[in-house]
Amino acid sequence: LLKSRIPDYKYDTHMGGAIYVFLRGLQDADTGSSETGIYHH
């Protein structure tokens, strides 16, 4: 999609990756790590 829509598309510049949010692993920002429950690749 991005290759067809962005004239100067570059994977390394424009693609951030995949984020999977494991809802049961999220913590309140005031009490825990913001990384818990977030998988990124």
PDB file of all heavy atoms in Angstrom:
ATOM      1  N   LEU A   1       0.828  -1.199   0.000  1.00  0.00           N
ATOM      2  CA  LEU A   1       0.000   0.000   0.000  1.00  0.00           C
ATOM      3  C   LEU A   1       0.867   1.256   0.000  1.00  0.00           C
ATOM      4  O   LEU A   1       0.656   2.172  -0.792  1.00  0.00           O
ATOM      5  CB  LEU A   1      -0.943   0.015   1.199  1.00  0.00           C
ATOM      6  CG  LEU A   1      -1.790   1.275   1.363  1.00  0.00           C
ATOM      7  CD1 LEU A   1      -2.833   1.360   0.250  1.00  0.00           C
ATOM      8  CD2 LEU A   1      -2.447   1.311   2.725  1.00  0.00           C
ATOM      9  N   LEU A   2       1.861   1.285   0.876  1.00  0.00           N
ATOM     10  CA  LEU A   2       2.723   2.459   0.971  1.00  0.00           C
ATOM     11  C   LEU A   2       3.527   2.672  -0.311  1.00  0.00           C
ATOM     12  O   LEU A   2       3.715   3.812  -0.751  1.00  0.00           O
ATOM     13  CB  LEU A   2       3.657   2.343   2.176  1.00  0.00           C
ATOM     14  CG  LEU A   2       2.976   2.344   3.551  1.00  0.00           C
ATOM     15  CD1 LEU A   2       4.003   2.129   4.653  1.00  0.00           C
ATOM     16  CD2 LEU A   2       2.172   3.599   3.777  1.00  0.00           C
ATOM     17  N   LYS A   3       3.993   1.579  -0.933  1.00  0.00           N
ATOM     18  CA  LYS A   3       4.716   1.708  -2.210  1.00  0.00           C
ATOM     19  C   LYS A   3       3.840   2.347  -3.279  1.00  0.00           C
ATOM     20  O   LYS A   3       4.326   3.105  -4.109  1.00  0.00           O
ATOM     21  CB  LYS A   3       5.151   0.321  -2.708  1.00  0.00           C
ATOM     22  CG  LYS A   3       6.465  -0.128  -2.190  1.00  0.00           C
ATOM     23  CD  LYS A   3       7.080  -1.342  -2.856  1.00  0.00           C
ATOM     24  CE  LYS A   3       6.228  -2.211  -3.718  1.00  0.00           C
ATOM     25  NZ  LYS A   3       6.926  -3.400  -4.248  1.00  0.00           N
ATOM     26  N   SER A   4       2.544   2.058  -3.226  1.00  0.00           N
ATOM     27  CA  SER A   4       1.644   2.601  -4.251  1.00  0.00           C
ATOM     28  C   SER A   4       1.194   4.027  -3.951  1.00  0.00           C
ATOM     29  O   SER A   4       0.739   4.729  -4.851  1.00  0.00           O
ATOM     30  CB  SER A   4       0.414   1.707  -4.410  1.00  0.00           C
ATOM     31  OG  SER A   4      -0.459   1.827  -3.305  1.00  0.00           O
ATOM     32  N   ARG A   5       1.333   4.469  -2.709  1.00  0.00           N
ATOM     33  CA  ARG A   5       0.817   5.782  -2.312  1.00  0.00           C
ATOM     34  C   ARG A   5       1.883   6.834  -2.020  1.00  0.00           C
ATOM     35  O   ARG A   5       1.607   8.022  -2.090  1.00  0.00           O
ATOM     36  CB  ARG A   5      -0.059   5.637  -1.062  1.00  0.00           C
ATOM     37  CG  ARG A   5      -1.238   4.712  -1.220  1.00  0.00           C
ATOM     38  CD  ARG A   5      -2.451   5.466  -1.699  1.00  0.00           C
ATOM     39  NE  ARG A   5      -3.569   4.614  -2.006  1.00  0.00           N
ATOM     40  CZ  ARG A   5      -4.564   4.319  -1.187  1.00  0.00           C
ATOM     41  NH1 ARG A   5      -4.567   4.811   0.025  1.00  0.00           N
ATOM     42  NH2 ARG A   5      -5.537   3.542  -1.592  1.00  0.00           N
ATOM     43  N   ILE A   6       3.077   6.407  -1.652  1.00  0.00           N
ATOM     44  CA  ILE A   6       4.138   7.360  -1.281  1.00  0.00           C
ATOM     45  C   ILE A   6       5.205   7.328  -2.370  1.00  0.00           C
ATOM     46  O   ILE A   6       5.892   6.311  -2.541  1.00  0.00           O
ATOM     47  CB  ILE A   6       4.754   7.008   0.096  1.00  0.00           C
ATOM     48  CG1 ILE A   6       3.686   7.052   1.187  1.00  0.00           C
ATOM     49  CG2 ILE A   6       5.909   7.954   0.418  1.00  0.00           C
ATOM     50  CD1 ILE A   6       4.171   6.587   2.548  1.00  0.00           C
ATOM     51  N   PRO A   7       5.352   8.423  -3.116  1.00  0.00           N
ATOM     52  CA  PRO A   7       6.288   8.441  -4.255  1.00  0.00           C
ATOM     53  C   PRO A   7       7.733   8.083  -3.892  1.00  0.00           C
ATOM     54  O   PRO A   7       8.411   7.405  -4.645  1.00  0.00           O
ATOM     55  CB  PRO A   7       6.202   9.874  -4.781  1.00  0.00           C
ATOM     56  CG  PRO A   7       4.915  10.410  -4.268  1.00  0.00           C
ATOM     57  CD  PRO A   7       4.633   9.686  -2.984  1.00  0.00           C
ATOM     58  N   ASP A   8       8.216   8.525  -2.747  1.00  0.00           N
ATOM     59  CA  ASP A   8       9.602   8.256  -2.367  1.00  0.00           C
ATOM     60  C   ASP A   8       9.681   7.222  -1.238  1.00  0.00           C
ATOM     61  O   ASP A   8      10.570   7.272  -0.391  1.00  0.00           O
ATOM     62  CB  ASP A   8      10.304   9.548  -1.957  1.00  0.00           C
ATOM     63  CG  ASP A   8       9.667  10.201  -0.724  1.00  0.00           C
ATOM     64  OD1 ASP A   8       8.506   9.861  -0.399  1.00  0.00           O
ATOM     65  OD2 ASP A   8      10.323  11.040  -0.093  1.00  0.00           O
ATOM     66  N   TYR A   9       8.756   6.259  -1.261  1.00  0.00           N
ATOM     67  CA  TYR A   9       8.672   5.251  -0.199  1.00  0.00           C
ATOM     68  C   TYR A   9       9.988   4.489  -0.045  1.00  0.00           C
ATOM     69  O   TYR A   9      10.586   4.039  -1.015  1.00  0.00           O
ATOM     70  CB  TYR A   9       7.547   4.260  -0.502  1.00  0.00           C
ATOM     71  CG  TYR A   9       7.541   3.068   0.426  1.00  0.00           C
ATOM     72  CD1 TYR A   9       7.106   3.198   1.746  1.00  0.00           C
ATOM     73  CD2 TYR A   9       7.976   1.825  -0.002  1.00  0.00           C
ATOM     74  CE1 TYR A   9       7.115   2.112   2.605  1.00  0.00           C
ATOM     75  CE2 TYR A   9       7.979   0.730   0.844  1.00  0.00           C
ATOM     76  CZ  TYR A   9       7.548   0.885   2.150  1.00  0.00           C
ATOM     77  OH  TYR A   9       7.550  -0.197   2.995  1.00  0.00           O
ATOM     78  N   LYS A  10      10.412   4.361   1.215  1.00  0.00           N
ATOM     79  CA  LYS A  10      11.568   3.551   1.579  1.00  0.00           C
ATOM     80  C   LYS A  10      11.191   2.768   2.828  1.00  0.00           C
ATOM     81  O   LYS A  10      10.774   3.342   3.830  1.00  0.00           O
ATOM     82  CB  LYS A  10      12.791   4.429   1.849  1.00  0.00           C
ATOM     83  CG  LYS A  10      13.342   5.096   0.603  1.00  0.00           C
ATOM     84  CD  LYS A  10      14.551   5.946   0.958  1.00  0.00           C
ATOM     85  CE  LYS A  10      15.119   6.643  -0.240  1.00  0.00           C
ATOM     86  NZ  LYS A  10      14.199   7.484  -0.982  1.00  0.00           N
ATOM     87  N   TYR A  11      11.351   1.462   2.768  1.00  0.00           N
ATOM     88  CA  TYR A  11      10.971   0.587   3.877  1.00  0.00           C
ATOM     89  C   TYR A  11      11.617   1.044   5.184  1.00  0.00           C
ATOM     90  O   TYR A  11      10.941   1.190   6.197  1.00  0.00           O
ATOM     91  CB  TYR A  11      11.355  -0.861   3.556  1.00  0.00           C
ATOM     92  CG  TYR A  11      10.913  -1.860   4.586  1.00  0.00           C
ATOM     93  CD1 TYR A  11       9.667  -2.460   4.513  1.00  0.00           C
ATOM     94  CD2 TYR A  11      11.745  -2.216   5.642  1.00  0.00           C
ATOM     95  CE1 TYR A  11       9.257  -3.387   5.449  1.00  0.00           C
ATOM     96  CE2 TYR A  11      11.346  -3.144   6.595  1.00  0.00           C
ATOM     97  CZ  TYR A  11      10.105  -3.728   6.501  1.00  0.00           C
ATOM     98  OH  TYR A  11       9.690  -4.637   7.439  1.00  0.00           O
ATOM     99  N   ASP A  12      12.928   1.266   5.152  1.00  0.00           N
ATOM    100  CA  ASP A  12      13.640   1.635   6.386  1.00  0.00           C
ATOM    101  C   ASP A  12      13.184   2.962   6.971  1.00  0.00           C
ATOM    102  O   ASP A  12      13.260   3.169   8.177  1.00  0.00           O
ATOM    103  CB  ASP A  12      15.151   1.678   6.147  1.00  0.00           C
ATOM    104  CG  ASP A  12      15.757   0.290   6.064  1.00  0.00           C
ATOM    105  OD1 ASP A  12      15.167  -0.653   6.628  1.00  0.00           O
ATOM    106  OD2 ASP A  12      16.821   0.157   5.438  1.00  0.00           O
ATOM    107  N   THR A  13      12.703   3.843   6.132  1.00  0.00           N
ATOM    108  CA  THR A  13      12.257   5.159   6.587  1.00  0.00           C
ATOM    109  C   THR A  13      10.804   5.139   7.038  1.00  0.00           C
ATOM    110  O   THR A  13      10.466   5.691   8.086  1.00  0.00           O
ATOM    111  CB  THR A  13      12.409   6.193   5.450  1.00  0.00           C
ATOM    112  OG1 THR A  13      13.775   6.233   5.055  1.00  0.00           O
ATOM    113  CG2 THR A  13      11.951   7.575   5.892  1.00  0.00           C
ATOM    114  N   HIS A  14       9.941   4.500   6.273  1.00  0.00           N
ATOM    115  CA  HIS A  14       8.501   4.607   6.485  1.00  0.00           C
ATOM    116  C   HIS A  14       7.869   3.467   7.292  1.00  0.00           C
ATOM    117  O   HIS A  14       6.815   3.660   7.886  1.00  0.00           O
ATOM    118  CB  HIS A  14       7.787   4.710   5.130  1.00  0.00           C
ATOM    119  CG  HIS A  14       8.122   5.954   4.387  1.00  0.00           C
ATOM    120  ND1 HIS A  14       9.027   5.968   3.352  1.00  0.00           N
ATOM    121  CD2 HIS A  14       7.714   7.231   4.545  1.00  0.00           C
ATOM    122  CE1 HIS A  14       9.144   7.194   2.884  1.00  0.00           C
ATOM    123  NE2 HIS A  14       8.372   7.993   3.599  1.00  0.00           N
ATOM    124  N   MET A  15       8.479   2.287   7.303  1.00  0.00           N
ATOM    125  CA  MET A  15       7.866   1.134   7.978  1.00  0.00           C
ATOM    126  C   MET A  15       8.337   1.043   9.423  1.00  0.00           C
ATOM    127  O   MET A  15       9.526   0.883   9.698  1.00  0.00           O
ATOM    128  CB  MET A  15       8.229  -0.158   7.229  1.00  0.00           C
ATOM    129  CG  MET A  15       7.580  -1.385   7.814  1.00  0.00           C
ATOM    130  SD  MET A  15       5.769  -1.401   7.716  1.00  0.00           S
ATOM    131  CE  MET A  15       5.536  -1.554   5.953  1.00  0.00           C
ATOM    132  N   GLY A  16       7.390   1.166  10.336  1.00  0.00           N
ATOM    133  CA  GLY A  16       7.721   1.096  11.750  1.00  0.00           C
ATOM    134  C   GLY A  16       7.698  -0.314  12.304  1.00  0.00           C
ATOM    135  O   GLY A  16       8.341  -0.607  13.296  1.00  0.00           O
ATOM    136  N   GLY A  17       6.936  -1.202  11.664  1.00  0.00           N
ATOM    137  CA  GLY A  17       6.860  -2.588  12.116  1.00  0.00           C
ATOM    138  C   GLY A  17       5.479  -2.957  12.605  1.00  0.00           C
ATOM    139  O   GLY A  17       4.493  -2.272  12.333  1.00  0.00           O
ATOM    140  N   ALA A  18       5.429  -4.046  13.344  1.00  0.00           N
ATOM    141  CA  ALA A  18       4.173  -4.570  13.884  1.00  0.00           C
ATOM    142  C   ALA A  18       4.179  -4.430  15.404  1.00  0.00           C
ATOM    143  O   ALA A  18       5.176  -4.733  16.060  1.00  0.00           O
ATOM    144  CB  ALA A  18       3.994  -6.038  13.498  1.00  0.00           C
ATOM    145  N   ILE A  19       3.069  -3.957  15.929  1.00  0.00           N
ATOM    146  CA  ILE A  19       2.897  -3.838  17.374  1.00  0.00           C
ATOM    147  C   ILE A  19       1.693  -4.685  17.770  1.00  0.00           C
ATOM    148  O   ILE A  19       0.601  -4.512  17.216  1.00  0.00           O
ATOM    149  CB  ILE A  19       2.667  -2.376  17.809  1.00  0.00           C
ATOM    150  CG1 ILE A  19       3.878  -1.519  17.453  1.00  0.00           C
ATOM    151  CG2 ILE A  19       2.355  -2.302  19.302  1.00  0.00           C
ATOM    152  CD1 ILE A  19       3.677  -0.042  17.689  1.00  0.00           C
ATOM    153  N   TYR A  20       1.921  -5.597  18.699  1.00  0.00           N
ATOM    154  CA  TYR A  20       0.841  -6.408  19.249  1.00  0.00           C
ATOM    155  C   TYR A  20       0.672  -6.011  20.711  1.00  0.00           C
ATOM    156  O   TYR A  20       1.633  -6.048  21.478  1.00  0.00           O
ATOM    157  CB  TYR A  20       1.150  -7.897  19.113  1.00  0.00           C
ATOM    158  CG  TYR A  20       0.778  -8.426  17.739  1.00  0.00           C
ATOM    159  CD1 TYR A  20       1.379  -7.932  16.596  1.00  0.00           C
ATOM    160  CD2 TYR A  20      -0.206  -9.391  17.593  1.00  0.00           C
ATOM    161  CE1 TYR A  20       1.031  -8.394  15.341  1.00  0.00           C
ATOM    162  CE2 TYR A  20      -0.569  -9.862  16.334  1.00  0.00           C
ATOM    163  CZ  TYR A  20       0.055  -9.353  15.218  1.00  0.00           C
ATOM    164  OH  TYR A  20      -0.296  -9.803  13.977  1.00  0.00           O
ATOM    165  N   VAL A  21      -0.541  -5.611  21.055  1.00  0.00           N
ATOM    166  CA  VAL A  21      -0.840  -5.172  22.411  1.00  0.00           C
ATOM    167  C   VAL A  21      -1.597  -6.295  23.110  1.00  0.00           C
ATOM    168  O   VAL A  21      -2.718  -6.633  22.727  1.00  0.00           O
ATOM    169  CB  VAL A  21      -1.675  -3.870  22.407  1.00  0.00           C
ATOM    170  CG1 VAL A  21      -1.987  -3.439  23.830  1.00  0.00           C
ATOM    171  CG2 VAL A  21      -0.962  -2.768  21.642  1.00  0.00           C
ATOM    172  N   PHE A  22      -0.972  -6.883  24.116  1.00  0.00           N
ATOM    173  CA  PHE A  22      -1.603  -7.914  24.927  1.00  0.00           C
ATOM    174  C   PHE A  22      -2.337  -7.196  26.057  1.00  0.00           C
ATOM    175  O   PHE A  22      -1.734  -6.766  27.049  1.00  0.00           O
ATOM    176  CB  PHE A  22      -0.551  -8.889  25.463  1.00  0.00           C
ATOM    177  CG  PHE A  22      -0.013  -9.821  24.409  1.00  0.00           C
ATOM    178  CD1 PHE A  22       0.914  -9.383  23.475  1.00  0.00           C
ATOM    179  CD2 PHE A  22      -0.451 -11.144  24.344  1.00  0.00           C
ATOM    180  CE1 PHE A  22       1.403 -10.235  22.499  1.00  0.00           C
ATOM    181  CE2 PHE A  22       0.035 -12.010  23.371  1.00  0.00           C
ATOM    182  CZ  PHE A  22       0.966 -11.547  22.444  1.00  0.00           C
ATOM    183  N   LEU A  23      -3.631  -7.015  25.868  1.00  0.00           N
ATOM    184  CA  LEU A  23      -4.437  -6.166  26.747  1.00  0.00           C
ATOM    185  C   LEU A  23      -4.335  -6.550  28.218  1.00  0.00           C
ATOM    186  O   LEU A  23      -4.298  -5.682  29.081  1.00  0.00           O
ATOM    187  CB  LEU A  23      -5.898  -6.210  26.299  1.00  0.00           C
ATOM    188  CG  LEU A  23      -6.166  -5.629  24.911  1.00  0.00           C
ATOM    189  CD1 LEU A  23      -7.584  -5.941  24.467  1.00  0.00           C
ATOM    190  CD2 LEU A  23      -5.898  -4.139  24.905  1.00  0.00           C
ATOM    191  N   ARG A  24      -4.298  -7.839  28.506  1.00  0.00           N
ATOM    192  CA  ARG A  24      -4.243  -8.278  29.907  1.00  0.00           C
ATOM    193  C   ARG A  24      -2.898  -7.958  30.551  1.00  0.00           C
ATOM    194  O   ARG A  24      -2.761  -8.031  31.762  1.00  0.00           O
ATOM    195  CB  ARG A  24      -4.524  -9.774  29.998  1.00  0.00           C
ATOM    196  CG  ARG A  24      -5.903 -10.162  29.531  1.00  0.00           C
ATOM    197  CD  ARG A  24      -6.025 -11.680  29.450  1.00  0.00           C
ATOM    198  NE  ARG A  24      -7.205 -12.072  28.736  1.00  0.00           N
ATOM    199  CZ  ARG A  24      -8.301 -12.556  29.293  1.00  0.00           C
ATOM    200  NH1 ARG A  24      -8.372 -12.686  30.603  1.00  0.00           N
ATOM    201  NH2 ARG A  24      -9.329 -12.911  28.554  1.00  0.00           N
ATOM    202  N   GLY A  25      -1.919  -7.604  29.744  1.00  0.00           N
ATOM    203  CA  GLY A  25      -0.593  -7.297  30.264  1.00  0.00           C
ATOM    204  C   GLY A  25      -0.319  -5.821  30.433  1.00  0.00           C
ATOM    205  O   GLY A  25       0.738  -5.436  30.912  1.00  0.00           O
ATOM    206  N   LEU A  26      -1.265  -4.980  30.045  1.00  0.00           N
ATOM    207  CA  LEU A  26      -1.056  -3.539  30.187  1.00  0.00           C
ATOM    208  C   LEU A  26      -1.153  -3.124  31.638  1.00  0.00           C
ATOM    209  O   LEU A  26      -1.978  -3.635  32.393  1.00  0.00           O
ATOM    210  CB  LEU A  26      -2.079  -2.767  29.362  1.00  0.00           C
ATOM    211  CG  LEU A  26      -1.979  -2.927  27.846  1.00  0.00           C
ATOM    212  CD1 LEU A  26      -3.077  -2.126  27.166  1.00  0.00           C
ATOM    213  CD2 LEU A  26      -0.613  -2.511  27.347  1.00  0.00           C
ATOM    214  N   GLN A  27      -0.316  -2.176  32.020  1.00  0.00           N
ATOM    215  CA  GLN A  27      -0.338  -1.652  33.378  1.00  0.00           C
ATOM    216  C   GLN A  27      -0.727  -0.194  33.343  1.00  0.00           C
ATOM    217  O   GLN A  27      -0.516   0.498  32.347  1.00  0.00           O
ATOM    218  CB  GLN A  27       1.043  -1.782  34.029  1.00  0.00           C
ATOM    219  CG  GLN A  27       1.446  -3.202  34.275  1.00  0.00           C
ATOM    220  CD  GLN A  27       2.765  -3.278  35.032  1.00  0.00           C
ATOM    221  OE1 GLN A  27       3.323  -2.280  35.459  1.00  0.00           O
ATOM    222  NE2 GLN A  27       3.258  -4.483  35.204  1.00  0.00           N
ATOM    223  N   ASP A  28      -1.251   0.256  34.446  1.00  0.00           N
ATOM    224  CA  ASP A  28      -1.537   1.678  34.615  1.00  0.00           C
ATOM    225  C   ASP A  28      -0.227   2.440  34.507  1.00  0.00           C
ATOM    226  O   ASP A  28       0.780   2.065  35.111  1.00  0.00           O
ATOM    227  CB  ASP A  28      -2.169   1.898  35.995  1.00  0.00           C
ATOM    228  CG  ASP A  28      -2.603   3.327  36.210  1.00  0.00           C
ATOM    229  OD1 ASP A  28      -1.873   4.257  35.807  1.00  0.00           O
ATOM    230  OD2 ASP A  28      -3.683   3.509  36.790  1.00  0.00           O
ATOM    231  N   ALA A  29      -0.212   3.490  33.721  1.00  0.00           N
ATOM    232  CA  ALA A  29       1.013   4.275  33.505  1.00  0.00           C
ATOM    233  C   ALA A  29       1.607   4.799  34.810  1.00  0.00           C
ATOM    234  O   ALA A  29       2.808   5.018  34.905  1.00  0.00           O
ATOM    235  CB  ALA A  29       0.725   5.432  32.554  1.00  0.00           C
ATOM    236  N   ASP A  30       0.775   5.005  35.834  1.00  0.00           N
ATOM    237  CA  ASP A  30       1.268   5.530  37.111  1.00  0.00           C
ATOM    238  C   ASP A  30       1.883   4.457  38.004  1.00  0.00           C
ATOM    239  O   ASP A  30       2.596   4.768  38.938  1.00  0.00           O
ATOM    240  CB  ASP A  30       0.129   6.203  37.884  1.00  0.00           C
ATOM    241  CG  ASP A  30      -0.393   7.431  37.164  1.00  0.00           C
ATOM    242  OD1 ASP A  30       0.392   8.062  36.416  1.00  0.00           O
ATOM    243  OD2 ASP A  30      -1.577   7.752  37.327  1.00  0.00           O
ATOM    244  N   THR A  31       1.607   3.178  37.706  1.00  0.00           N
ATOM    245  CA  THR A  31       2.047   2.126  38.618  1.00  0.00           C
ATOM    246  C   THR A  31       3.033   1.131  38.022  1.00  0.00           C
ATOM    247  O   THR A  31       3.568   0.310  38.736  1.00  0.00           O
ATOM    248  CB  THR A  31       0.837   1.321  39.145  1.00  0.00           C
ATOM    249  OG1 THR A  31       0.180   0.713  38.026  1.00  0.00           O
ATOM    250  CG2 THR A  31      -0.123   2.198  39.906  1.00  0.00           C
ATOM    251  N   GLY A  32       3.269   1.158  36.721  1.00  0.00           N
ATOM    252  CA  GLY A  32       4.153   0.149  36.149  1.00  0.00           C
ATOM    253  C   GLY A  32       4.806   0.587  34.861  1.00  0.00           C
ATOM    254  O   GLY A  32       4.667   1.709  34.401  1.00  0.00           O
ATOM    255  N   SER A  33       5.508  -0.348  34.304  1.00  0.00           N
ATOM    256  CA  SER A  33       6.247  -0.110  33.060  1.00  0.00           C
ATOM    257  C   SER A  33       5.303   0.011  31.879  1.00  0.00           C
ATOM    258  O   SER A  33       4.347  -0.739  31.759  1.00  0.00           O
ATOM    259  CB  SER A  33       7.209  -1.276  32.826  1.00  0.00           C
ATOM    260  OG  SER A  33       7.722  -1.228  31.521  1.00  0.00           O
ATOM    261  N   SER A  34       5.578   0.957  31.020  1.00  0.00           N
ATOM    262  CA  SER A  34       4.763   1.113  29.821  1.00  0.00           C
ATOM    263  C   SER A  34       5.105   0.053  28.782  1.00  0.00           C
ATOM    264  O   SER A  34       4.428  -0.068  27.778  1.00  0.00           O
ATOM    265  CB  SER A  34       4.955   2.507  29.234  1.00  0.00           C
ATOM    266  OG  SER A  34       6.310   2.683  28.865  1.00  0.00           O
ATOM    267  N   GLU A  35       6.157  -0.732  29.007  1.00  0.00           N
ATOM    268  CA  GLU A  35       6.574  -1.780  28.082  1.00  0.00           C
ATOM    269  C   GLU A  35       5.805  -3.079  28.294  1.00  0.00           C
ATOM    270  O   GLU A  35       5.746  -3.913  27.411  1.00  0.00           O
ATOM    271  CB  GLU A  35       8.074  -2.052  28.231  1.00  0.00           C
ATOM    272  CG  GLU A  35       8.949  -0.894  27.817  1.00  0.00           C
ATOM    273  CD  GLU A  35       8.932  -0.648  26.313  1.00  0.00           C
ATOM    274  OE1 GLU A  35       8.955  -1.614  25.546  1.00  0.00           O
ATOM    275  OE2 GLU A  35       8.900   0.532  25.925  1.00  0.00           O
ATOM    276  N   THR A  36       5.247  -3.292  29.467  1.00  0.00           N
ATOM    277  CA  THR A  36       4.564  -4.540  29.776  1.00  0.00           C
ATOM    278  C   THR A  36       3.333  -4.692  28.884  1.00  0.00           C
ATOM    279  O   THR A  36       2.515  -3.790  28.793  1.00  0.00           O
ATOM    280  CB  THR A  36       4.138  -4.578  31.261  1.00  0.00           C
ATOM    281  OG1 THR A  36       5.290  -4.372  32.061  1.00  0.00           O
ATOM    282  CG2 THR A  36       3.512  -5.900  31.612  1.00  0.00           C
ATOM    283  N   GLY A  37       3.246  -5.840  28.218  1.00  0.00           N
ATOM    284  CA  GLY A  37       2.096  -6.122  27.371  1.00  0.00           C
ATOM    285  C   GLY A  37       2.230  -5.626  25.941  1.00  0.00           C
ATOM    286  O   GLY A  37       1.330  -5.803  25.135  1.00  0.00           O
ATOM    287  N   ILE A  38       3.359  -5.029  25.596  1.00  0.00           N
ATOM    288  CA  ILE A  38       3.570  -4.495  24.249  1.00  0.00           C
ATOM    289  C   ILE A  38       4.652  -5.322  23.559  1.00  0.00           C
ATOM    290  O   ILE A  38       5.784  -5.405  24.041  1.00  0.00           O
ATOM    291  CB  ILE A  38       4.013  -3.021  24.270  1.00  0.00           C
ATOM    292  CG1 ILE A  38       3.064  -2.154  25.088  1.00  0.00           C
ATOM    293  CG2 ILE A  38       4.196  -2.497  22.840  1.00  0.00           C
ATOM    294  CD1 ILE A  38       1.694  -1.981  24.498  1.00  0.00           C
ATOM    295  N   TYR A  39       4.301  -5.917  22.426  1.00  0.00           N
ATOM    296  CA  TYR A  39       5.261  -6.680  21.628  1.00  0.00           C
ATOM    297  C   TYR A  39       5.477  -5.932  20.318  1.00  0.00           C
ATOM    298  O   TYR A  39       4.519  -5.619  19.618  1.00  0.00           O
ATOM    299  CB  TYR A  39       4.733  -8.090  21.344  1.00  0.00           C
ATOM    300  CG  TYR A  39       5.677  -8.917  20.501  1.00  0.00           C
ATOM    301  CD1 TYR A  39       6.665  -9.684  21.097  1.00  0.00           C
ATOM    302  CD2 TYR A  39       5.575  -8.916  19.115  1.00  0.00           C
ATOM    303  CE1 TYR A  39       7.547 -10.432  20.333  1.00  0.00           C
ATOM    304  CE2 TYR A  39       6.451  -9.661  18.344  1.00  0.00           C
ATOM    305  CZ  TYR A  39       7.426 -10.417  18.958  1.00  0.00           C
ATOM    306  OH  TYR A  39       8.295 -11.155  18.187  1.00  0.00           O
ATOM    307  N   HIS A  40       6.718  -5.634  19.975  1.00  0.00           N
ATOM    308  CA  HIS A  40       7.034  -4.907  18.744  1.00  0.00           C
ATOM    309  C   HIS A  40       8.100  -5.663  17.961  1.00  0.00           C
ATOM    310  O   HIS A  40       9.063  -6.177  18.542  1.00  0.00           O
ATOM    311  CB  HIS A  40       7.554  -3.498  19.061  1.00  0.00           C
ATOM    312  CG  HIS A  40       8.029  -2.768  17.843  1.00  0.00           C
ATOM    313  ND1 HIS A  40       9.359  -2.649  17.528  1.00  0.00           N
ATOM    314  CD2 HIS A  40       7.349  -2.136  16.858  1.00  0.00           C
ATOM    315  CE1 HIS A  40       9.484  -1.964  16.396  1.00  0.00           C
ATOM    316  NE2 HIS A  40       8.274  -1.647  15.969  1.00  0.00           N
ATOM    317  N   HIS A  41       7.885  -5.723  16.659  1.00  0.00           N
ATOM    318  CA  HIS A  41       8.897  -6.309  15.785  1.00  0.00           C
ATOM    319  C   HIS A  41       8.779  -5.673  14.400  1.00  0.00           C
ATOM    320  O   HIS A  41       7.677  -5.432  13.918  1.00  0.00           O
ATOM    321  CB  HIS A  41       8.706  -7.823  15.654  1.00  0.00           C
ATOM    322  CG  HIS A  41       9.753  -8.468  14.802  1.00  0.00           C
ATOM    323  ND1 HIS A  41      11.040  -8.694  15.235  1.00  0.00           N
ATOM    324  CD2 HIS A  41       9.711  -8.911  13.529  1.00  0.00           C
ATOM    325  CE1 HIS A  41      11.738  -9.262  14.267  1.00  0.00           C
ATOM    326  NE2 HIS A  41      10.953  -9.403  13.216  1.00  0.00           N
TER     327      HIS A  41
END
